[in-house]
Amino acid sequence: MSRRPPQPSSLDPEQVGLHCAALHSRVLSRLVTRLYNQQLAESGLRITQFSVLNAIKARPPESIFQLAELLGMERTSLQRTVDKLIEKGLVESEPTGNKRALGLSLTPQGEACYQQALVGWQAAQDQFESLVGKQSWQQIASELRRFSHKVKQEL
């Protein structure tokens, strides 16, 4: 015999707050973002910008759509970040020959900025791992990748 899920009016707000995956993942995300932004401040980048530079460096995309898929970002939000990086002279775009797609790559200035920011990123990563435990983080990161894959399949 299957049970019917509780009706929204009968859900206890305290329990909703204690169990909400969206709430807890966003709270942690904001705190971790703040930690990384503090360490990256000297480079002039924020963690979102650094993550985009890192993704472009690791796997130069053939389109903004491809980069958005890799980073799990909305294309329009990513486009705003990429446009700022282009304005700063850190990223350049050029036709890939694939329809209207534009590939992205780091400029020499972008490469220098990335290398400087990498020092701040490593400091933030070390600080985070010392707070939560390196081995614990490796296990959690693996689980988060798995969870992300599962949720993405449902969207």
N, C-alpha and C. Protein backbone atom coordinates (compact mmCIF):
# COMPACT_ATOMS: atom_id res chain seq x y z
N MET A 1 0.84 -1.17 0.00
CA MET A 1 0.00 0.00 0.00
C MET A 1 0.89 1.24 0.00
N SER A 2 0.73 2.10 -1.02
CA SER A 2 1.59 3.28 -1.10
C SER A 2 0.98 4.43 -0.30
N ARG A 3 1.88 5.17 0.32
CA ARG A 3 1.42 6.33 1.11
C ARG A 3 1.38 7.55 0.21
N ARG A 4 0.39 8.36 0.45
CA ARG A 4 0.28 9.62 -0.26
C ARG A 4 1.22 10.63 0.37
N PRO A 5 1.91 11.43 -0.45
CA PRO A 5 2.79 12.44 0.16
C PRO A 5 1.98 13.45 0.96
N PRO A 6 2.58 14.02 2.00
CA PRO A 6 1.85 14.99 2.81
C PRO A 6 1.43 16.20 1.96
N GLN A 7 0.30 16.76 2.30
CA GLN A 7 -0.17 17.96 1.61
C GLN A 7 0.68 19.15 2.08
N PRO A 8 0.94 20.11 1.18
CA PRO A 8 1.79 21.25 1.55
C PRO A 8 1.39 21.95 2.85
N SER A 9 0.12 22.08 3.12
CA SER A 9 -0.30 22.79 4.34
C SER A 9 0.09 22.02 5.61
N SER A 10 0.35 20.72 5.48
CA SER A 10 0.69 19.94 6.66
C SER A 10 2.20 19.81 6.86
N LEU A 11 3.00 20.39 5.98
CA LEU A 11 4.45 20.32 6.12
C LEU A 11 4.92 21.35 7.14
N ASP A 12 5.72 20.92 8.07
CA ASP A 12 6.27 21.79 9.11
C ASP A 12 7.41 22.62 8.51
N PRO A 13 7.32 23.95 8.60
CA PRO A 13 8.37 24.80 8.03
C PRO A 13 9.76 24.50 8.58
N GLU A 14 9.85 24.12 9.85
CA GLU A 14 11.16 23.77 10.43
C GLU A 14 11.74 22.55 9.71
N GLN A 15 10.90 21.57 9.43
CA GLN A 15 11.35 20.36 8.74
C GLN A 15 11.73 20.67 7.29
N VAL A 16 10.96 21.54 6.65
CA VAL A 16 11.30 21.95 5.29
C VAL A 16 12.70 22.56 5.29
N GLY A 17 12.94 23.48 6.23
CA GLY A 17 14.25 24.14 6.32
C GLY A 17 15.38 23.17 6.62
N LEU A 18 15.11 22.17 7.46
CA LEU A 18 16.14 21.20 7.82
C LEU A 18 16.50 20.25 6.68
N HIS A 19 15.56 20.00 5.78
CA HIS A 19 15.77 18.97 4.76
C HIS A 19 15.89 19.49 3.34
N CYS A 20 15.73 20.77 3.12
CA CYS A 20 15.71 21.32 1.76
C CYS A 20 17.11 21.30 1.13
N ALA A 21 17.26 20.48 0.09
CA ALA A 21 18.55 20.36 -0.60
C ALA A 21 18.95 21.68 -1.25
N ALA A 22 17.98 22.39 -1.83
CA ALA A 22 18.28 23.66 -2.48
C ALA A 22 18.81 24.68 -1.47
N LEU A 23 18.16 24.77 -0.33
CA LEU A 23 18.59 25.72 0.70
C LEU A 23 20.01 25.42 1.17
N HIS A 24 20.25 24.18 1.56
CA HIS A 24 21.57 23.84 2.12
C HIS A 24 22.69 23.95 1.09
N SER A 25 22.41 23.57 -0.14
CA SER A 25 23.45 23.69 -1.17
C SER A 25 23.73 25.15 -1.48
N ARG A 26 22.70 26.01 -1.45
CA ARG A 26 22.91 27.44 -1.72
C ARG A 26 23.64 28.12 -0.57
N VAL A 27 23.32 27.78 0.67
CA VAL A 27 24.02 28.37 1.82
C VAL A 27 25.50 28.01 1.74
N LEU A 28 25.80 26.74 1.55
CA LEU A 28 27.20 26.33 1.45
C LEU A 28 27.87 27.00 0.26
N SER A 29 27.19 27.06 -0.85
CA SER A 29 27.75 27.68 -2.05
C SER A 29 28.11 29.15 -1.79
N ARG A 30 27.24 29.88 -1.13
CA ARG A 30 27.52 31.29 -0.84
C ARG A 30 28.74 31.44 0.08
N LEU A 31 28.82 30.59 1.09
CA LEU A 31 29.95 30.67 2.02
C LEU A 31 31.26 30.29 1.35
N VAL A 32 31.24 29.24 0.56
CA VAL A 32 32.45 28.81 -0.15
C VAL A 32 32.86 29.88 -1.17
N THR A 33 31.88 30.46 -1.84
CA THR A 33 32.16 31.53 -2.80
C THR A 33 32.84 32.69 -2.10
N ARG A 34 32.33 33.06 -0.94
CA ARG A 34 32.94 34.16 -0.18
C ARG A 34 34.40 33.85 0.18
N LEU A 35 34.66 32.62 0.62
CA LEU A 35 36.02 32.21 0.97
C LEU A 35 36.95 32.33 -0.25
N TYR A 36 36.52 31.80 -1.40
CA TYR A 36 37.36 31.86 -2.61
C TYR A 36 37.54 33.29 -3.09
N ASN A 37 36.46 34.09 -3.04
CA ASN A 37 36.58 35.48 -3.50
C ASN A 37 37.58 36.27 -2.65
N GLN A 38 37.62 35.99 -1.35
CA GLN A 38 38.60 36.67 -0.49
C GLN A 38 40.02 36.35 -0.95
N GLN A 39 40.29 35.09 -1.24
CA GLN A 39 41.64 34.68 -1.64
C GLN A 39 41.99 35.15 -3.06
N LEU A 40 40.97 35.32 -3.90
CA LEU A 40 41.21 35.75 -5.29
C LEU A 40 41.24 37.26 -5.44
N ALA A 41 40.88 38.01 -4.41
CA ALA A 41 40.71 39.46 -4.52
C ALA A 41 41.91 40.15 -5.16
N GLU A 42 43.10 39.75 -4.80
CA GLU A 42 44.31 40.39 -5.32
C GLU A 42 44.44 40.27 -6.84
N SER A 43 43.89 39.19 -7.39
CA SER A 43 43.97 38.98 -8.84
C SER A 43 42.96 39.82 -9.61
N GLY A 44 41.96 40.37 -8.90
CA GLY A 44 40.91 41.13 -9.56
C GLY A 44 39.80 40.26 -10.13
N LEU A 45 39.87 38.96 -9.87
CA LEU A 45 38.84 38.04 -10.36
C LEU A 45 37.98 37.56 -9.20
N ARG A 46 36.78 37.17 -9.54
CA ARG A 46 35.89 36.48 -8.61
C ARG A 46 35.93 35.00 -8.99
N ILE A 47 35.45 34.14 -8.12
CA ILE A 47 35.55 32.70 -8.37
C ILE A 47 34.79 32.30 -9.62
N THR A 48 33.68 32.95 -9.92
CA THR A 48 32.95 32.62 -11.15
C THR A 48 33.81 32.91 -12.38
N GLN A 49 34.46 34.06 -12.38
CA GLN A 49 35.32 34.43 -13.51
C GLN A 49 36.51 33.48 -13.60
N PHE A 50 37.11 33.18 -12.45
CA PHE A 50 38.23 32.25 -12.45
C PHE A 50 37.81 30.89 -12.99
N SER A 51 36.64 30.40 -12.57
CA SER A 51 36.15 29.10 -13.03
C SER A 51 35.95 29.08 -14.54
N VAL A 52 35.48 30.19 -15.09
CA VAL A 52 35.31 30.28 -16.55
C VAL A 52 36.67 30.26 -17.23
N LEU A 53 37.62 31.04 -16.73
CA LEU A 53 38.97 31.03 -17.31
C LEU A 53 39.57 29.63 -17.23
N ASN A 54 39.41 28.98 -16.10
CA ASN A 54 39.96 27.64 -15.92
C ASN A 54 39.34 26.66 -16.92
N ALA A 55 38.03 26.73 -17.09
CA ALA A 55 37.35 25.82 -18.03
C ALA A 55 37.82 26.08 -19.46
N ILE A 56 37.98 27.34 -19.83
CA ILE A 56 38.45 27.67 -21.18
C ILE A 56 39.87 27.15 -21.37
N LYS A 57 40.70 27.31 -20.35
CA LYS A 57 42.09 26.83 -20.44
C LYS A 57 42.15 25.30 -20.50
N ALA A 58 41.34 24.64 -19.70
CA ALA A 58 41.36 23.17 -19.64
C ALA A 58 40.81 22.54 -20.91
N ARG A 59 39.69 23.08 -21.40
CA ARG A 59 39.02 22.52 -22.59
C ARG A 59 38.48 23.66 -23.44
N PRO A 60 39.31 24.27 -24.26
CA PRO A 60 38.83 25.40 -25.06
C PRO A 60 37.54 25.04 -25.80
N PRO A 61 36.46 25.74 -25.49
CA PRO A 61 35.16 25.38 -26.08
C PRO A 61 35.01 25.91 -27.50
N GLU A 62 34.17 25.23 -28.25
CA GLU A 62 33.87 25.67 -29.61
C GLU A 62 32.64 26.57 -29.63
N SER A 63 31.97 26.72 -28.49
CA SER A 63 30.81 27.60 -28.42
C SER A 63 30.50 27.93 -26.97
N ILE A 64 29.75 28.99 -26.78
CA ILE A 64 29.32 29.37 -25.44
C ILE A 64 28.40 28.30 -24.87
N PHE A 65 27.61 27.67 -25.74
CA PHE A 65 26.71 26.60 -25.31
C PHE A 65 27.52 25.44 -24.73
N GLN A 66 28.60 25.07 -25.41
CA GLN A 66 29.45 23.96 -24.94
C GLN A 66 30.06 24.30 -23.58
N LEU A 67 30.49 25.54 -23.41
CA LEU A 67 31.06 25.97 -22.13
C LEU A 67 29.99 25.99 -21.04
N ALA A 68 28.79 26.43 -21.37
CA ALA A 68 27.69 26.45 -20.40
C ALA A 68 27.37 25.04 -19.93
N GLU A 69 27.37 24.09 -20.85
CA GLU A 69 27.11 22.69 -20.49
C GLU A 69 28.19 22.17 -19.55
N LEU A 70 29.44 22.46 -19.85
CA LEU A 70 30.56 22.02 -19.03
C LEU A 70 30.46 22.57 -17.60
N LEU A 71 30.09 23.84 -17.49
CA LEU A 71 30.04 24.49 -16.18
C LEU A 71 28.69 24.38 -15.48
N GLY A 72 27.70 23.85 -16.16
CA GLY A 72 26.36 23.74 -15.56
C GLY A 72 25.73 25.10 -15.32
N MET A 73 26.00 26.05 -16.21
CA MET A 73 25.48 27.41 -16.07
C MET A 73 24.44 27.69 -17.14
N GLU A 74 23.56 28.64 -16.84
CA GLU A 74 22.65 29.14 -17.86
C GLU A 74 23.47 29.91 -18.88
N ARG A 75 23.15 29.72 -20.15
CA ARG A 75 23.93 30.35 -21.21
C ARG A 75 23.96 31.87 -21.09
N THR A 76 22.83 32.48 -20.74
CA THR A 76 22.79 33.95 -20.66
C THR A 76 23.66 34.48 -19.52
N SER A 77 23.67 33.80 -18.38
CA SER A 77 24.53 34.21 -17.26
C SER A 77 25.99 34.06 -17.64
N LEU A 78 26.30 32.94 -18.27
CA LEU A 78 27.68 32.71 -18.70
C LEU A 78 28.10 33.75 -19.72
N GLN A 79 27.21 34.11 -20.63
CA GLN A 79 27.55 35.10 -21.66
C GLN A 79 27.94 36.43 -21.02
N ARG A 80 27.22 36.85 -19.98
CA ARG A 80 27.57 38.10 -19.28
C ARG A 80 28.97 38.01 -18.67
N THR A 81 29.30 36.86 -18.08
CA THR A 81 30.63 36.70 -17.48
C THR A 81 31.70 36.70 -18.56
N VAL A 82 31.46 35.99 -19.65
CA VAL A 82 32.43 35.95 -20.76
C VAL A 82 32.61 37.34 -21.34
N ASP A 83 31.52 38.08 -21.52
CA ASP A 83 31.62 39.44 -22.06
C ASP A 83 32.51 40.32 -21.18
N LYS A 84 32.38 40.19 -19.86
CA LYS A 84 33.23 40.97 -18.93
C LYS A 84 34.70 40.57 -19.09
N LEU A 85 34.94 39.27 -19.26
CA LEU A 85 36.32 38.79 -19.43
C LEU A 85 36.90 39.28 -20.76
N ILE A 86 36.07 39.36 -21.78
CA ILE A 86 36.52 39.89 -23.07
C ILE A 86 36.82 41.38 -22.93
N GLU A 87 35.94 42.13 -22.26
CA GLU A 87 36.15 43.56 -22.02
C GLU A 87 37.45 43.82 -21.26
N LYS A 88 37.79 42.94 -20.31
CA LYS A 88 39.02 43.08 -19.53
C LYS A 88 40.25 42.67 -20.34
N GLY A 89 40.04 42.10 -21.53
CA GLY A 89 41.15 41.67 -22.36
C GLY A 89 41.73 40.32 -21.96
N LEU A 90 40.95 39.53 -21.20
CA LEU A 90 41.45 38.25 -20.71
C LEU A 90 41.06 37.07 -21.59
N VAL A 91 40.01 37.24 -22.37
CA VAL A 91 39.49 36.19 -23.23
C VAL A 91 39.25 36.79 -24.61
N GLU A 92 39.46 35.96 -25.63
CA GLU A 92 39.11 36.38 -26.99
C GLU A 92 38.23 35.31 -27.62
N SER A 93 37.39 35.76 -28.54
CA SER A 93 36.53 34.82 -29.25
C SER A 93 36.85 34.91 -30.73
N GLU A 94 36.73 33.76 -31.39
CA GLU A 94 37.00 33.72 -32.83
C GLU A 94 36.14 32.64 -33.45
N PRO A 95 35.76 32.83 -34.70
CA PRO A 95 34.92 31.83 -35.37
C PRO A 95 35.60 30.47 -35.39
N THR A 96 34.80 29.44 -35.20
CA THR A 96 35.34 28.07 -35.21
C THR A 96 35.15 27.39 -36.55
N GLY A 97 34.33 28.02 -37.42
CA GLY A 97 34.00 27.38 -38.69
C GLY A 97 32.79 26.49 -38.58
N ASN A 98 32.26 26.35 -37.37
CA ASN A 98 31.07 25.53 -37.12
C ASN A 98 29.87 26.47 -37.01
N LYS A 99 29.19 26.68 -38.13
CA LYS A 99 28.03 27.59 -38.21
C LYS A 99 28.43 28.96 -37.68
N ARG A 100 27.65 29.48 -36.71
CA ARG A 100 27.94 30.81 -36.16
C ARG A 100 28.67 30.73 -34.83
N ALA A 101 29.16 29.56 -34.48
CA ALA A 101 29.81 29.37 -33.18
C ALA A 101 31.12 30.13 -33.08
N LEU A 102 31.36 30.66 -31.89
CA LEU A 102 32.61 31.36 -31.60
C LEU A 102 33.36 30.58 -30.53
N GLY A 103 34.60 30.23 -30.84
CA GLY A 103 35.45 29.57 -29.86
C GLY A 103 36.04 30.59 -28.90
N LEU A 104 36.44 30.16 -27.75
CA LEU A 104 37.01 31.05 -26.74
C LEU A 104 38.39 30.58 -26.35
N SER A 105 39.27 31.53 -26.10
CA SER A 105 40.61 31.20 -25.62
C SER A 105 41.12 32.35 -24.76
N LEU A 106 42.11 32.05 -23.93
CA LEU A 106 42.72 33.07 -23.08
C LEU A 106 43.68 33.90 -23.93
N THR A 107 43.71 35.19 -23.69
CA THR A 107 44.71 36.06 -24.30
C THR A 107 45.99 35.92 -23.48
N PRO A 108 47.11 36.46 -23.96
CA PRO A 108 48.32 36.46 -23.11
C PRO A 108 48.07 37.15 -21.76
N GLN A 109 47.30 38.24 -21.76
CA GLN A 109 46.95 38.92 -20.51
C GLN A 109 46.07 38.00 -19.65
N GLY A 110 45.17 37.28 -20.29
CA GLY A 110 44.31 36.34 -19.57
C GLY A 110 45.11 35.21 -18.94
N GLU A 111 46.11 34.74 -19.67
CA GLU A 111 46.98 33.68 -19.14
C GLU A 111 47.74 34.17 -17.92
N ALA A 112 48.26 35.39 -17.98
CA ALA A 112 49.00 35.97 -16.85
C ALA A 112 48.07 36.16 -15.65
N CYS A 113 46.88 36.66 -15.89
CA CYS A 113 45.90 36.85 -14.82
C CYS A 113 45.51 35.50 -14.21
N TYR A 114 45.31 34.51 -15.07
CA TYR A 114 44.95 33.17 -14.61
C TYR A 114 46.04 32.62 -13.69
N GLN A 115 47.29 32.75 -14.10
CA GLN A 115 48.41 32.24 -13.30
C GLN A 115 48.49 32.93 -11.94
N GLN A 116 48.25 34.25 -11.91
CA GLN A 116 48.23 34.98 -10.64
C GLN A 116 47.07 34.51 -9.78
N ALA A 117 45.90 34.36 -10.39
CA ALA A 117 44.71 33.92 -9.65
C ALA A 117 44.85 32.50 -9.14
N LEU A 118 45.60 31.69 -9.84
CA LEU A 118 45.79 30.30 -9.45
C LEU A 118 46.42 30.20 -8.05
N VAL A 119 47.26 31.15 -7.71
CA VAL A 119 47.86 31.19 -6.38
C VAL A 119 46.78 31.41 -5.33
N GLY A 120 45.88 32.37 -5.58
CA GLY A 120 44.77 32.62 -4.66
C GLY A 120 43.82 31.44 -4.59
N TRP A 121 43.56 30.83 -5.76
CA TRP A 121 42.68 29.67 -5.78
C TRP A 121 43.27 28.55 -4.92
N GLN A 122 44.57 28.30 -5.04
CA GLN A 122 45.20 27.23 -4.27
C GLN A 122 45.12 27.53 -2.78
N ALA A 123 45.30 28.78 -2.41
CA ALA A 123 45.18 29.16 -1.00
C ALA A 123 43.76 28.90 -0.49
N ALA A 124 42.76 29.26 -1.30
CA ALA A 124 41.37 29.03 -0.91
C ALA A 124 41.07 27.53 -0.82
N GLN A 125 41.57 26.78 -1.79
CA GLN A 125 41.34 25.33 -1.79
C GLN A 125 41.97 24.69 -0.55
N ASP A 126 43.20 25.10 -0.26
CA ASP A 126 43.88 24.57 0.93
C ASP A 126 43.12 24.92 2.20
N GLN A 127 42.64 26.17 2.29
CA GLN A 127 41.89 26.61 3.47
C GLN A 127 40.60 25.81 3.60
N PHE A 128 39.89 25.64 2.49
CA PHE A 128 38.64 24.88 2.52
C PHE A 128 38.90 23.44 2.94
N GLU A 129 39.90 22.81 2.35
CA GLU A 129 40.21 21.41 2.68
C GLU A 129 40.66 21.25 4.13
N SER A 130 41.32 22.27 4.67
CA SER A 130 41.72 22.16 6.08
C SER A 130 40.50 22.30 6.99
N LEU A 131 39.49 23.02 6.54
CA LEU A 131 38.26 23.18 7.33
C LEU A 131 37.41 21.91 7.33
N VAL A 132 37.28 21.27 6.16
CA VAL A 132 36.36 20.13 6.05
C VAL A 132 37.08 18.79 6.02
N GLY A 133 38.40 18.81 5.86
CA GLY A 133 39.19 17.58 5.76
C GLY A 133 39.36 17.20 4.29
N LYS A 134 40.60 17.00 3.89
CA LYS A 134 40.90 16.73 2.48
C LYS A 134 40.21 15.45 2.00
N GLN A 135 40.32 14.38 2.77
CA GLN A 135 39.71 13.12 2.36
C GLN A 135 38.19 13.22 2.33
N SER A 136 37.63 13.89 3.32
CA SER A 136 36.17 14.09 3.34
C SER A 136 35.74 14.86 2.09
N TRP A 137 36.51 15.91 1.74
CA TRP A 137 36.16 16.70 0.58
C TRP A 137 36.24 15.87 -0.70
N GLN A 138 37.24 15.04 -0.83
CA GLN A 138 37.34 14.20 -2.03
C GLN A 138 36.12 13.30 -2.17
N GLN A 139 35.67 12.74 -1.07
CA GLN A 139 34.48 11.88 -1.10
C GLN A 139 33.22 12.68 -1.41
N ILE A 140 33.09 13.84 -0.78
CA ILE A 140 31.92 14.68 -1.01
C ILE A 140 31.90 15.19 -2.44
N ALA A 141 33.05 15.61 -2.95
CA ALA A 141 33.12 16.12 -4.33
C ALA A 141 32.70 15.03 -5.32
N SER A 142 33.13 13.82 -5.06
CA SER A 142 32.73 12.70 -5.91
C SER A 142 31.21 12.51 -5.87
N GLU A 143 30.64 12.57 -4.69
CA GLU A 143 29.19 12.44 -4.54
C GLU A 143 28.46 13.59 -5.21
N LEU A 144 28.97 14.80 -5.06
CA LEU A 144 28.33 15.96 -5.69
C LEU A 144 28.32 15.83 -7.22
N ARG A 145 29.42 15.34 -7.79
CA ARG A 145 29.46 15.11 -9.25
C ARG A 145 28.40 14.08 -9.64
N ARG A 146 28.28 13.03 -8.84
CA ARG A 146 27.29 11.98 -9.11
C ARG A 146 25.88 12.55 -9.00
N PHE A 147 25.62 13.32 -7.94
CA PHE A 147 24.30 13.92 -7.75
C PHE A 147 23.99 14.87 -8.90
N SER A 148 24.96 15.67 -9.29
CA SER A 148 24.76 16.62 -10.39
C SER A 148 24.38 15.89 -11.66
N HIS A 149 25.05 14.80 -11.93
CA HIS A 149 24.76 14.01 -13.13
C HIS A 149 23.32 13.48 -13.08
N LYS A 150 22.91 12.96 -11.94
CA LYS A 150 21.55 12.42 -11.79
C LYS A 150 20.49 13.50 -11.98
N VAL A 151 20.69 14.65 -11.33
CA VAL A 151 19.71 15.72 -11.43
C VAL A 151 19.67 16.26 -12.87
N LYS A 152 20.83 16.41 -13.49
CA LYS A 152 20.88 16.92 -14.87
C LYS A 152 20.09 16.02 -15.81
N GLN A 153 20.10 14.72 -15.58
CA GLN A 153 19.37 13.80 -16.42
C GLN A 153 17.85 14.02 -16.32
N GLU A 154 17.40 14.56 -15.19
CA GLU A 154 15.97 14.80 -14.99
C GLU A 154 15.50 16.14 -15.56
N LEU A 155 16.43 17.01 -15.86
CA LEU A 155 16.06 18.35 -16.36
C LEU A 155 15.86 18.38 -17.85
